[in-house]
Amino acid sequence: MKQNFSSDKPVENEEQDRFQRYNFSKRIADTIIQRENEEGIVIGIYGAWGEGKTSVLNFIQKELDKQKTILTVALNPWI
């Protein structure tokens, strides 16, 4: 009997997105990109372990990296 296991690694690209997190992430990125207020912004992504937070952040980062006028800073308090 063949066992089929899935990795719990965060996904990096849209082709790996089996749970449709990309569209949600794109909407967040578009909201950031279209902001007219020049003040800083803080966005929190909340969810239990394994719910796709890092995958969402990867997708948002990928979209924001396309913009030359947006600087992102990632903070990992666990390191």
N, C-alpha and C. Protein backbone atom coordinates (compact mmCIF):
# COMPACT_ATOMS: atom_id res chain seq x y z
N MET A 1 0.84 -1.16 0.00
CA MET A 1 0.00 0.00 0.00
C MET A 1 0.90 1.24 0.00
N LYS A 2 0.66 2.12 -0.95
CA LYS A 2 1.43 3.35 -1.06
C LYS A 2 0.81 4.42 -0.17
N GLN A 3 1.66 5.06 0.63
CA GLN A 3 1.19 6.15 1.48
C GLN A 3 1.48 7.47 0.80
N ASN A 4 0.54 8.37 0.87
CA ASN A 4 0.69 9.68 0.24
C ASN A 4 0.74 10.74 1.33
N PHE A 5 1.90 11.38 1.47
CA PHE A 5 2.07 12.42 2.47
C PHE A 5 2.31 13.75 1.78
N SER A 6 1.82 14.81 2.37
CA SER A 6 2.08 16.15 1.87
C SER A 6 3.05 16.84 2.80
N SER A 7 3.88 17.68 2.23
CA SER A 7 4.82 18.45 3.02
C SER A 7 4.08 19.56 3.77
N ASP A 8 4.60 19.92 4.93
CA ASP A 8 4.01 21.05 5.65
C ASP A 8 4.84 22.32 5.45
N LYS A 9 5.72 22.30 4.46
CA LYS A 9 6.51 23.49 4.14
C LYS A 9 5.61 24.56 3.54
N PRO A 10 5.91 25.83 3.84
CA PRO A 10 5.15 26.92 3.20
C PRO A 10 5.36 26.89 1.69
N VAL A 11 4.33 27.25 0.95
CA VAL A 11 4.46 27.27 -0.50
C VAL A 11 5.08 28.59 -0.95
N GLU A 12 5.75 28.54 -2.09
CA GLU A 12 6.48 29.70 -2.60
C GLU A 12 5.86 30.27 -3.86
N ASN A 13 5.09 29.47 -4.59
CA ASN A 13 4.55 29.97 -5.85
C ASN A 13 3.10 29.53 -6.04
N GLU A 14 2.44 30.21 -6.94
CA GLU A 14 1.01 30.01 -7.15
C GLU A 14 0.67 28.58 -7.58
N GLU A 15 1.57 27.93 -8.30
CA GLU A 15 1.31 26.57 -8.77
C GLU A 15 1.19 25.58 -7.61
N GLN A 16 1.83 25.87 -6.49
CA GLN A 16 1.78 24.99 -5.33
C GLN A 16 0.58 25.27 -4.43
N ASP A 17 -0.18 26.30 -4.73
CA ASP A 17 -1.25 26.79 -3.85
C ASP A 17 -2.51 25.95 -3.97
N ARG A 18 -2.60 24.90 -3.18
CA ARG A 18 -3.76 24.01 -3.23
C ARG A 18 -4.94 24.53 -2.41
N PHE A 19 -4.72 25.54 -1.59
CA PHE A 19 -5.77 26.03 -0.70
C PHE A 19 -6.20 27.45 -1.02
N GLN A 20 -5.91 27.91 -2.22
CA GLN A 20 -6.35 29.21 -2.72
C GLN A 20 -5.97 30.38 -1.80
N ARG A 21 -4.76 30.35 -1.31
CA ARG A 21 -4.26 31.46 -0.49
C ARG A 21 -3.75 32.61 -1.36
N TYR A 22 -3.39 32.31 -2.61
CA TYR A 22 -2.79 33.33 -3.47
C TYR A 22 -3.72 34.52 -3.69
N ASN A 23 -4.98 34.28 -4.02
CA ASN A 23 -5.92 35.38 -4.29
C ASN A 23 -6.09 36.28 -3.07
N PHE A 24 -6.20 35.67 -1.89
CA PHE A 24 -6.29 36.44 -0.65
C PHE A 24 -5.03 37.29 -0.47
N SER A 25 -3.88 36.69 -0.69
CA SER A 25 -2.60 37.39 -0.55
C SER A 25 -2.47 38.52 -1.55
N LYS A 26 -2.93 38.28 -2.76
CA LYS A 26 -2.85 39.31 -3.82
C LYS A 26 -3.71 40.50 -3.45
N ARG A 27 -4.88 40.27 -2.86
CA ARG A 27 -5.74 41.38 -2.44
C ARG A 27 -5.06 42.22 -1.36
N ILE A 28 -4.38 41.57 -0.43
CA ILE A 28 -3.65 42.32 0.60
C ILE A 28 -2.53 43.13 -0.05
N ALA A 29 -1.77 42.50 -0.93
CA ALA A 29 -0.67 43.21 -1.61
C ALA A 29 -1.21 44.38 -2.42
N ASP A 30 -2.29 44.18 -3.14
CA ASP A 30 -2.88 45.27 -3.94
C ASP A 30 -3.34 46.42 -3.06
N THR A 31 -3.89 46.10 -1.89
CA THR A 31 -4.30 47.14 -0.95
C THR A 31 -3.10 47.96 -0.50
N ILE A 32 -2.00 47.30 -0.22
CA ILE A 32 -0.78 47.99 0.18
C ILE A 32 -0.25 48.84 -0.96
N ILE A 33 -0.20 48.28 -2.15
CA ILE A 33 0.34 48.97 -3.33
C ILE A 33 -0.47 50.22 -3.66
N GLN A 34 -1.78 50.15 -3.51
CA GLN A 34 -2.66 51.25 -3.91
C GLN A 34 -2.85 52.31 -2.83
N ARG A 35 -2.23 52.13 -1.68
CA ARG A 35 -2.37 53.12 -0.60
C ARG A 35 -1.84 54.47 -1.04
N GLU A 36 -2.53 55.52 -0.65
CA GLU A 36 -2.08 56.87 -0.96
C GLU A 36 -1.45 57.54 0.25
N ASN A 37 -1.70 57.03 1.43
CA ASN A 37 -1.13 57.56 2.66
C ASN A 37 0.34 57.12 2.74
N GLU A 38 1.24 58.06 2.95
CA GLU A 38 2.67 57.72 2.97
C GLU A 38 3.17 57.27 4.33
N GLU A 39 2.31 57.26 5.33
CA GLU A 39 2.72 56.79 6.64
C GLU A 39 2.93 55.28 6.60
N GLY A 40 3.67 54.77 7.57
CA GLY A 40 3.92 53.34 7.64
C GLY A 40 2.64 52.55 7.89
N ILE A 41 2.74 51.28 7.67
CA ILE A 41 1.59 50.40 7.89
C ILE A 41 2.09 49.11 8.53
N VAL A 42 1.30 48.57 9.41
CA VAL A 42 1.59 47.29 10.04
C VAL A 42 0.42 46.36 9.74
N ILE A 43 0.73 45.17 9.28
CA ILE A 43 -0.31 44.18 8.98
C ILE A 43 0.01 42.92 9.75
N GLY A 44 -0.97 42.38 10.44
CA GLY A 44 -0.79 41.14 11.17
C GLY A 44 -1.53 40.00 10.48
N ILE A 45 -0.89 38.86 10.41
CA ILE A 45 -1.52 37.65 9.87
C ILE A 45 -1.66 36.68 11.04
N TYR A 46 -2.88 36.35 11.39
CA TYR A 46 -3.15 35.52 12.56
C TYR A 46 -3.75 34.19 12.13
N GLY A 47 -3.28 33.13 12.74
CA GLY A 47 -3.85 31.81 12.49
C GLY A 47 -3.11 30.76 13.29
N ALA A 48 -3.70 29.63 13.42
CA ALA A 48 -3.08 28.52 14.15
C ALA A 48 -1.95 27.91 13.33
N TRP A 49 -1.16 27.08 13.99
CA TRP A 49 -0.06 26.41 13.32
C TRP A 49 -0.58 25.63 12.12
N GLY A 50 0.09 25.79 10.99
CA GLY A 50 -0.24 25.02 9.80
C GLY A 50 -1.37 25.56 8.96
N GLU A 51 -1.87 26.74 9.26
CA GLU A 51 -3.01 27.28 8.51
C GLU A 51 -2.60 28.11 7.30
N GLY A 52 -1.30 28.26 7.05
CA GLY A 52 -0.87 28.93 5.82
C GLY A 52 -0.38 30.36 5.97
N LYS A 53 -0.07 30.78 7.19
CA LYS A 53 0.38 32.16 7.40
C LYS A 53 1.66 32.47 6.62
N THR A 54 2.64 31.59 6.70
CA THR A 54 3.90 31.82 6.01
C THR A 54 3.71 31.79 4.50
N SER A 55 2.85 30.92 4.02
CA SER A 55 2.55 30.89 2.58
C SER A 55 1.93 32.21 2.14
N VAL A 56 1.00 32.74 2.93
CA VAL A 56 0.38 34.03 2.62
C VAL A 56 1.45 35.12 2.59
N LEU A 57 2.33 35.12 3.59
CA LEU A 57 3.40 36.12 3.61
C LEU A 57 4.32 35.98 2.41
N ASN A 58 4.63 34.75 2.02
CA ASN A 58 5.47 34.53 0.83
C ASN A 58 4.82 35.13 -0.41
N PHE A 59 3.52 34.91 -0.58
CA PHE A 59 2.81 35.45 -1.74
C PHE A 59 2.76 36.97 -1.71
N ILE A 60 2.48 37.55 -0.54
CA ILE A 60 2.45 39.01 -0.43
C ILE A 60 3.82 39.58 -0.76
N GLN A 61 4.86 38.99 -0.20
CA GLN A 61 6.23 39.46 -0.45
C GLN A 61 6.56 39.40 -1.93
N LYS A 62 6.17 38.34 -2.59
CA LYS A 62 6.44 38.18 -4.02
C LYS A 62 5.79 39.31 -4.82
N GLU A 63 4.56 39.66 -4.48
CA GLU A 63 3.87 40.75 -5.18
C GLU A 63 4.50 42.11 -4.87
N LEU A 64 4.86 42.33 -3.61
CA LEU A 64 5.44 43.62 -3.23
C LEU A 64 6.84 43.79 -3.78
N ASP A 65 7.57 42.70 -3.97
CA ASP A 65 8.92 42.78 -4.54
C ASP A 65 8.90 43.33 -5.97
N LYS A 66 7.77 43.25 -6.63
CA LYS A 66 7.65 43.79 -7.99
C LYS A 66 7.61 45.32 -8.00
N GLN A 67 7.39 45.92 -6.83
CA GLN A 67 7.26 47.38 -6.71
C GLN A 67 8.59 47.97 -6.23
N LYS A 68 9.11 48.93 -6.97
CA LYS A 68 10.38 49.55 -6.58
C LYS A 68 10.21 50.56 -5.45
N THR A 69 9.00 51.03 -5.21
CA THR A 69 8.78 52.08 -4.21
C THR A 69 8.33 51.56 -2.86
N ILE A 70 8.27 50.25 -2.70
CA ILE A 70 7.79 49.67 -1.44
C ILE A 70 8.93 48.89 -0.79
N LEU A 71 9.18 49.22 0.46
CA LEU A 71 10.20 48.52 1.24
C LEU A 71 9.49 47.67 2.28
N THR A 72 9.83 46.41 2.34
CA THR A 72 9.24 45.53 3.34
C THR A 72 10.33 45.07 4.30
N VAL A 73 9.95 44.88 5.54
CA VAL A 73 10.86 44.38 6.56
C VAL A 73 10.20 43.18 7.22
N ALA A 74 10.87 42.06 7.21
CA ALA A 74 10.34 40.86 7.85
C ALA A 74 11.00 40.71 9.22
N LEU A 75 10.20 40.46 10.22
CA LEU A 75 10.69 40.29 11.58
C LEU A 75 10.28 38.92 12.09
N ASN A 76 11.25 38.13 12.51
CA ASN A 76 10.97 36.82 13.07
C ASN A 76 11.44 36.83 14.53
N PRO A 77 10.52 36.99 15.48
CA PRO A 77 10.93 37.08 16.88
C PRO A 77 11.44 35.76 17.46
N TRP A 78 11.31 34.66 16.73
CA TRP A 78 11.71 33.35 17.24
C TRP A 78 13.17 33.05 16.98
N ILE A 79 13.83 33.89 16.20
CA ILE A 79 15.25 33.63 15.90
C ILE A 79 16.12 34.20 16.99
